[in-house]
Amino acid sequence: PILAPACRFHGIVPRHGGPSRMHDGHVSGASRTTGTLFGYRRARVTLAVQETPGSVPILLLELAMQTGRFMQEMGAEHLRVALECEKKPPGAGAGIGRTRLLDEPLWTAYVNGRKIGYAMRREPTEDDLTVMQLLRTVSVGAGVLPNDVMGCDTAEGQEAGDLAYMRARFDRVVGSRDSEALYMLNPDGNNGPELSIFF
C-alpha cells in the first residue's frame, strides 16, 4: 500500500482572512483536478496533473527523488511537497495569466521541509502517455504496472523495478499569480488530504 494515514488541512485561509474555506471535506472555490504520481521504483518519480483522468497532462514534473523513496515518505504523518522557482519578468507587452506559474521549467523541490534537488517540467514521453492510457479509467487508486504491461520486460527494465503509481483527486487552489496549491482528497471525503503540493 502506498497511501498513508489521512492528514488534516493546515493553514488553508482565504486571502482576506477569516475562517477556513473547508466545506464537506473540500476547499470552497477550488477547482477539481486529477493528480498522478508514478515512476519505476528505482527511477525518479513523476507528477502528472490532468483536468480529467483521461485527458492529456497539463503539467508533467519529474522530481529528483526515487519513486521507492517517495513512497516511503508517504508513510509520514504529513507529506508536503513545496516547489519554488525564480519567475522571470515577462517580456515587453507579454501578459501573465493565472496558469503561467505552472509553465515554469525548473523548480527547487522540498519534501517535508528537506531539499531534495530540482523538479523539471517536461513534455510527455511515449512511456508517460502509455501510463496515462493504462490508467485512463482509474479515478482514484494506487498500485503497480508490471514491466511486461509497460512493454519494457528487458534486463534494463527489470533493473528499474515495476512501475508504481498513485492517482487521486485534488482541490486546486490558486492563491495569486505566484502561488498555487494542490490538496489531495480522500475518497471518503471526511479526513482531508494525505498530500499537499505547493507551487
C-alpha atoms as a PDB file:
ATOM      1  CA  PRO A   1       0.000   0.000   0.000  1.00  0.00           C
ATOM      2  CA  ILE A   2       1.203   3.465  -0.890  1.00  0.00           C
ATOM      3  CA  LEU A   3      -1.388   5.618   0.851  1.00  0.00           C
ATOM      4  CA  ALA A   4      -0.566   6.785   4.363  1.00  0.00           C
ATOM      5  CA  PRO A   5      -2.991   7.548   7.209  1.00  0.00           C
ATOM      6  CA  ALA A   6      -5.031  10.631   6.404  1.00  0.00           C
ATOM      7  CA  CYS A   7      -3.762  14.091   7.256  1.00  0.00           C
ATOM      8  CA  ARG A   8      -5.751  17.203   8.032  1.00  0.00           C
ATOM      9  CA  PHE A   9      -5.813  20.530   6.169  1.00  0.00           C
ATOM     10  CA  HIS A  10      -3.401  23.051   7.660  1.00  0.00           C
ATOM     11  CA  GLY A  11      -3.299  26.768   7.051  1.00  0.00           C
ATOM     12  CA  ILE A  12      -5.979  26.999   4.373  1.00  0.00           C
ATOM     13  CA  VAL A  13      -7.234  30.516   4.915  1.00  0.00           C
ATOM     14  CA  PRO A  14      -8.969  32.862   2.480  1.00  0.00           C
ATOM     15  CA  ARG A  15      -6.838  35.645   1.027  1.00  0.00           C
ATOM     16  CA  HIS A  16      -8.781  38.196   3.074  1.00  0.00           C
ATOM     17  CA  GLY A  17      -8.510  36.324   6.376  1.00  0.00           C
ATOM     18  CA  GLY A  18     -11.424  34.778   8.208  1.00  0.00           C
ATOM     19  CA  PRO A  19     -12.320  31.134   8.720  1.00  0.00           C
ATOM     20  CA  SER A  20     -11.066  28.200   6.703  1.00  0.00           C
ATOM     21  CA  ARG A  21     -12.674  27.609   3.310  1.00  0.00           C
ATOM     22  CA  MET A  22     -13.452  23.966   4.065  1.00  0.00           C
ATOM     23  CA  HIS A  23     -16.890  22.635   3.130  1.00  0.00           C
ATOM     24  CA  ASP A  24     -17.768  18.920   3.111  1.00  0.00           C
ATOM     25  CA  GLY A  25     -14.077  17.988   3.022  1.00  0.00           C
ATOM     26  CA  HIS A  26     -13.302  20.274   0.068  1.00  0.00           C
ATOM     27  CA  VAL A  27     -11.888  23.763  -0.252  1.00  0.00           C
ATOM     28  CA  SER A  28     -14.674  26.034  -1.430  1.00  0.00           C
ATOM     29  CA  GLY A  29     -13.830  27.879  -4.616  1.00  0.00           C
ATOM     30  CA  ALA A  30     -11.182  25.324  -5.588  1.00  0.00           C
ATOM     31  CA  SER A  31     -11.271  23.527  -8.907  1.00  0.00           C
ATOM     32  CA  ARG A  32     -11.064  19.743  -9.018  1.00  0.00           C
ATOM     33  CA  THR A  33      -8.220  18.097 -10.846  1.00  0.00           C
ATOM     34  CA  THR A  34      -6.560  14.690 -11.134  1.00  0.00           C
ATOM     35  CA  GLY A  35      -3.006  14.095  -9.952  1.00  0.00           C
ATOM     36  CA  THR A  36      -0.891  11.007 -10.585  1.00  0.00           C
ATOM     37  CA  LEU A  37       2.469  10.230  -9.007  1.00  0.00           C
ATOM     38  CA  PHE A  38       4.244   7.437 -10.853  1.00  0.00           C
ATOM     39  CA  GLY A  39       7.616   6.009 -11.705  1.00  0.00           C
ATOM     40  CA  TYR A  40       9.798   2.912 -11.745  1.00  0.00           C
ATOM     41  CA  ARG A  41      10.782   2.107  -8.170  1.00  0.00           C
ATOM     42  CA  ARG A  42      14.480   2.790  -8.729  1.00  0.00           C
ATOM     43  CA  ALA A  43      13.917   5.749 -11.043  1.00  0.00           C
ATOM     44  CA  ARG A  44      12.675   9.291 -10.456  1.00  0.00           C
ATOM     45  CA  VAL A  45       9.080   9.943  -9.507  1.00  0.00           C
ATOM     46  CA  THR A  46       6.903  11.990 -11.867  1.00  0.00           C
ATOM     47  CA  LEU A  47       3.878  14.138 -11.062  1.00  0.00           C
ATOM     48  CA  ALA A  48       1.201  14.427 -13.757  1.00  0.00           C
ATOM     49  CA  VAL A  49      -1.676  16.892 -13.367  1.00  0.00           C
ATOM     50  CA  GLN A  50      -4.732  16.385 -15.572  1.00  0.00           C
ATOM     51  CA  GLU A  51      -8.090  18.084 -15.839  1.00  0.00           C
ATOM     52  CA  THR A  52      -9.732  14.630 -16.013  1.00  0.00           C
ATOM     53  CA  PRO A  53      -8.292  11.106 -15.643  1.00  0.00           C
ATOM     54  CA  GLY A  54      -8.477  10.561 -19.421  1.00  0.00           C
ATOM     55  CA  SER A  55      -7.042  13.879 -20.602  1.00  0.00           C
ATOM     56  CA  VAL A  56      -3.517  14.795 -21.668  1.00  0.00           C
ATOM     57  CA  PRO A  57      -1.498  16.146 -18.697  1.00  0.00           C
ATOM     58  CA  ILE A  58      -1.465  19.934 -18.331  1.00  0.00           C
ATOM     59  CA  LEU A  59       1.666  19.575 -16.177  1.00  0.00           C
ATOM     60  CA  LEU A  60       4.341  16.886 -16.021  1.00  0.00           C
ATOM     61  CA  LEU A  61       7.090  17.343 -13.428  1.00  0.00           C
ATOM     62  CA  GLU A  62       9.967  14.960 -12.776  1.00  0.00           C
ATOM     63  CA  LEU A  63      11.239  15.194  -9.193  1.00  0.00           C
ATOM     64  CA  ALA A  64      14.806  14.426  -8.144  1.00  0.00           C
ATOM     65  CA  MET A  65      13.709  11.597  -5.831  1.00  0.00           C
ATOM     66  CA  GLN A  66      13.404   7.879  -6.466  1.00  0.00           C
ATOM     67  CA  THR A  67       9.854   6.559  -6.581  1.00  0.00           C
ATOM     68  CA  GLY A  68      10.581   3.964  -3.889  1.00  0.00           C
ATOM     69  CA  ARG A  69      11.886   6.610  -1.523  1.00  0.00           C
ATOM     70  CA  PHE A  70       8.928   8.880  -2.238  1.00  0.00           C
ATOM     71  CA  MET A  71       6.564   6.042  -1.342  1.00  0.00           C
ATOM     72  CA  GLN A  72       8.399   5.674   1.959  1.00  0.00           C
ATOM     73  CA  GLU A  73       7.822   9.379   2.601  1.00  0.00           C
ATOM     74  CA  MET A  74       4.101   8.741   2.086  1.00  0.00           C
ATOM     75  CA  GLY A  75       4.238   6.876   5.394  1.00  0.00           C
ATOM     76  CA  ALA A  76       4.934  10.134   7.263  1.00  0.00           C
ATOM     77  CA  GLU A  77       2.118  11.746   9.216  1.00  0.00           C
ATOM     78  CA  HIS A  78       2.045  14.694   6.797  1.00  0.00           C
ATOM     79  CA  LEU A  79       3.519  14.847   3.331  1.00  0.00           C
ATOM     80  CA  ARG A  80       4.114  18.285   1.891  1.00  0.00           C
ATOM     81  CA  VAL A  81       5.898  18.933  -1.372  1.00  0.00           C
ATOM     82  CA  ALA A  82       6.996  22.541  -1.925  1.00  0.00           C
ATOM     83  CA  LEU A  83       8.205  23.711  -5.332  1.00  0.00           C
ATOM     84  CA  GLU A  84       9.878  27.099  -5.698  1.00  0.00           C
ATOM     85  CA  CYS A  85      11.018  28.848  -8.849  1.00  0.00           C
ATOM     86  CA  GLU A  86      12.613  32.119  -9.842  1.00  0.00           C
ATOM     87  CA  LYS A  87       9.998  33.705 -12.027  1.00  0.00           C
ATOM     88  CA  LYS A  88      11.410  35.745 -14.857  1.00  0.00           C
ATOM     89  CA  PRO A  89       9.596  39.006 -15.589  1.00  0.00           C
ATOM     90  CA  PRO A  90       7.532  38.868 -18.790  1.00  0.00           C
ATOM     91  CA  GLY A  91       8.920  40.433 -21.958  1.00  0.00           C
ATOM     92  CA  ALA A  92       7.638  43.745 -23.228  1.00  0.00           C
ATOM     93  CA  GLY A  93       3.957  43.544 -23.998  1.00  0.00           C
ATOM     94  CA  ALA A  94       3.629  39.987 -22.714  1.00  0.00           C
ATOM     95  CA  GLY A  95       0.818  39.317 -20.281  1.00  0.00           C
ATOM     96  CA  ILE A  96       0.738  36.826 -17.450  1.00  0.00           C
ATOM     97  CA  GLY A  97      -2.261  34.586 -16.903  1.00  0.00           C
ATOM     98  CA  ARG A  98      -3.120  32.757 -13.735  1.00  0.00           C
ATOM     99  CA  THR A  99      -1.842  29.428 -15.055  1.00  0.00           C
ATOM    100  CA  ARG A 100       1.507  30.757 -16.285  1.00  0.00           C
ATOM    101  CA  LEU A 101       3.132  29.752 -12.994  1.00  0.00           C
ATOM    102  CA  LEU A 102       2.848  26.070 -13.920  1.00  0.00           C
ATOM    103  CA  ASP A 103       4.679  26.737 -17.187  1.00  0.00           C
ATOM    104  CA  GLU A 104       7.955  27.404 -15.346  1.00  0.00           C
ATOM    105  CA  PRO A 105      10.571  24.842 -16.484  1.00  0.00           C
ATOM    106  CA  LEU A 106      12.695  24.404 -13.329  1.00  0.00           C
ATOM    107  CA  TRP A 107      11.797  24.230  -9.649  1.00  0.00           C
ATOM    108  CA  THR A 108      13.670  23.741  -6.394  1.00  0.00           C
ATOM    109  CA  ALA A 109      11.890  20.862  -4.643  1.00  0.00           C
ATOM    110  CA  TYR A 110      11.375  20.227  -0.930  1.00  0.00           C
ATOM    111  CA  VAL A 111       9.687  17.224   0.687  1.00  0.00           C
ATOM    112  CA  ASN A 112       8.562  17.779   4.267  1.00  0.00           C
ATOM    113  CA  GLY A 113      10.938  20.726   4.525  1.00  0.00           C
ATOM    114  CA  ARG A 114      14.007  18.889   3.204  1.00  0.00           C
ATOM    115  CA  LYS A 115      15.546  19.997  -0.075  1.00  0.00           C
ATOM    116  CA  ILE A 116      15.686  17.038  -2.454  1.00  0.00           C
ATOM    117  CA  GLY A 117      17.092  18.831  -5.500  1.00  0.00           C
ATOM    118  CA  TYR A 118      15.159  20.006  -8.515  1.00  0.00           C
ATOM    119  CA  ALA A 119      11.958  19.254 -10.355  1.00  0.00           C
ATOM    120  CA  MET A 120      11.855  19.729 -14.108  1.00  0.00           C
ATOM    121  CA  ARG A 121       8.825  20.321 -16.269  1.00  0.00           C
ATOM    122  CA  ARG A 122       8.936  18.204 -19.397  1.00  0.00           C
ATOM    123  CA  GLU A 123       6.824  17.129 -22.312  1.00  0.00           C
ATOM    124  CA  PRO A 124       5.157  13.694 -22.052  1.00  0.00           C
ATOM    125  CA  THR A 125       7.228  10.824 -23.434  1.00  0.00           C
ATOM    126  CA  GLU A 126       5.786   7.719 -25.079  1.00  0.00           C
ATOM    127  CA  ASP A 127       6.129   5.902 -21.737  1.00  0.00           C
ATOM    128  CA  ASP A 128       4.261   8.702 -19.937  1.00  0.00           C
ATOM    129  CA  LEU A 129       1.410   8.540 -22.436  1.00  0.00           C
ATOM    130  CA  THR A 130       1.315   4.741 -22.078  1.00  0.00           C
ATOM    131  CA  VAL A 131       0.882   5.118 -18.323  1.00  0.00           C
ATOM    132  CA  MET A 132      -1.871   7.707 -18.809  1.00  0.00           C
ATOM    133  CA  GLN A 133      -3.596   5.404 -21.307  1.00  0.00           C
ATOM    134  CA  LEU A 134      -3.415   2.397 -18.976  1.00  0.00           C
ATOM    135  CA  LEU A 135      -4.820   4.468 -16.093  1.00  0.00           C
ATOM    136  CA  ARG A 136      -7.467   6.353 -18.081  1.00  0.00           C
ATOM    137  CA  THR A 137     -10.332   4.513 -16.330  1.00  0.00           C
ATOM    138  CA  VAL A 138      -8.798   4.896 -12.846  1.00  0.00           C
ATOM    139  CA  SER A 139     -10.094   7.923 -10.977  1.00  0.00           C
ATOM    140  CA  VAL A 140      -8.549   7.101  -7.577  1.00  0.00           C
ATOM    141  CA  GLY A 141      -6.177   4.316  -6.624  1.00  0.00           C
ATOM    142  CA  ALA A 142      -2.665   3.023  -6.139  1.00  0.00           C
ATOM    143  CA  GLY A 143      -0.851   0.006  -7.474  1.00  0.00           C
ATOM    144  CA  VAL A 144       1.839  -1.394  -9.726  1.00  0.00           C
ATOM    145  CA  LEU A 145       2.066  -1.780 -13.504  1.00  0.00           C
ATOM    146  CA  PRO A 146       4.383  -4.745 -14.217  1.00  0.00           C
ATOM    147  CA  ASN A 147       7.211  -4.369 -16.719  1.00  0.00           C
ATOM    148  CA  ASP A 148       5.581  -6.664 -19.273  1.00  0.00           C
ATOM    149  CA  VAL A 149       2.461  -4.463 -19.307  1.00  0.00           C
ATOM    150  CA  MET A 150       4.673  -1.422 -19.883  1.00  0.00           C
ATOM    151  CA  GLY A 151       6.445  -3.164 -22.761  1.00  0.00           C
ATOM    152  CA  CYS A 152       9.887  -2.981 -21.121  1.00  0.00           C
ATOM    153  CA  ASP A 153      10.342  -6.563 -19.960  1.00  0.00           C
ATOM    154  CA  THR A 154      14.103  -6.386 -20.540  1.00  0.00           C
ATOM    155  CA  ALA A 155      17.151  -6.600 -18.284  1.00  0.00           C
ATOM    156  CA  GLU A 156      17.243  -2.801 -18.140  1.00  0.00           C
ATOM    157  CA  GLY A 157      13.536  -2.685 -17.296  1.00  0.00           C
ATOM    158  CA  GLN A 158      13.933  -5.339 -14.598  1.00  0.00           C
ATOM    159  CA  GLU A 159      16.708  -3.253 -13.037  1.00  0.00           C
ATOM    160  CA  ALA A 160      14.396  -0.223 -12.732  1.00  0.00           C
ATOM    161  CA  GLY A 161      11.707  -2.288 -10.986  1.00  0.00           C
ATOM    162  CA  ASP A 162       7.965  -2.280 -11.615  1.00  0.00           C
ATOM    163  CA  LEU A 163       6.202   0.998 -12.234  1.00  0.00           C
ATOM    164  CA  ALA A 164       4.293   2.151  -9.145  1.00  0.00           C
ATOM    165  CA  TYR A 165       1.528   4.741  -9.286  1.00  0.00           C
ATOM    166  CA  MET A 166      -0.832   6.629  -7.041  1.00  0.00           C
ATOM    167  CA  ARG A 167      -3.740   8.588  -8.501  1.00  0.00           C
ATOM    168  CA  ALA A 168      -6.093  10.875  -6.585  1.00  0.00           C
ATOM    169  CA  ARG A 169      -8.453  13.791  -6.891  1.00  0.00           C
ATOM    170  CA  PHE A 170      -7.040  17.152  -5.815  1.00  0.00           C
ATOM    171  CA  ASP A 171      -8.507  20.500  -4.903  1.00  0.00           C
ATOM    172  CA  ARG A 172      -6.518  23.078  -6.875  1.00  0.00           C
ATOM    173  CA  VAL A 173      -6.340  26.452  -5.163  1.00  0.00           C
ATOM    174  CA  VAL A 174      -4.954  29.494  -6.993  1.00  0.00           C
ATOM    175  CA  GLY A 175      -3.749  31.969  -4.382  1.00  0.00           C
ATOM    176  CA  SER A 176      -2.253  34.501  -6.802  1.00  0.00           C
ATOM    177  CA  ARG A 177      -0.227  34.677  -9.997  1.00  0.00           C
ATOM    178  CA  ASP A 178       2.725  33.431  -7.958  1.00  0.00           C
ATOM    179  CA  SER A 179       1.181  30.689  -5.826  1.00  0.00           C
ATOM    180  CA  GLU A 180      -0.967  27.614  -6.297  1.00  0.00           C
ATOM    181  CA  ALA A 181      -1.617  24.551  -4.173  1.00  0.00           C
ATOM    182  CA  LEU A 182      -2.940  21.056  -4.728  1.00  0.00           C
ATOM    183  CA  TYR A 183      -4.622  19.307  -1.786  1.00  0.00           C
ATOM    184  CA  MET A 184      -5.171  15.592  -2.209  1.00  0.00           C
ATOM    185  CA  LEU A 185      -8.621  14.389  -1.184  1.00  0.00           C
ATOM    186  CA  ASN A 186      -9.548  11.115   0.442  1.00  0.00           C
ATOM    187  CA  PRO A 187     -12.149   9.069  -1.432  1.00  0.00           C
ATOM    188  CA  ASP A 188     -14.474   9.188   1.600  1.00  0.00           C
ATOM    189  CA  GLY A 189     -14.167  12.989   1.732  1.00  0.00           C
ATOM    190  CA  ASN A 190     -14.003  13.002   5.536  1.00  0.00           C
ATOM    191  CA  ASN A 191     -10.393  13.309   6.632  1.00  0.00           C
ATOM    192  CA  GLY A 192      -8.817  15.963   4.429  1.00  0.00           C
ATOM    193  CA  PRO A 193      -5.784  15.469   2.195  1.00  0.00           C
ATOM    194  CA  GLU A 194      -2.968  12.986   2.584  1.00  0.00           C
ATOM    195  CA  LEU A 195      -0.650  15.033   0.404  1.00  0.00           C
ATOM    196  CA  SER A 196      -0.245  18.763  -0.237  1.00  0.00           C
ATOM    197  CA  ILE A 197       1.766  20.213  -3.126  1.00  0.00           C
ATOM    198  CA  PHE A 198       2.623  23.920  -3.102  1.00  0.00           C
ATOM    199  CA  PHE A 199       3.845  25.901  -6.110  1.00  0.00           C
END
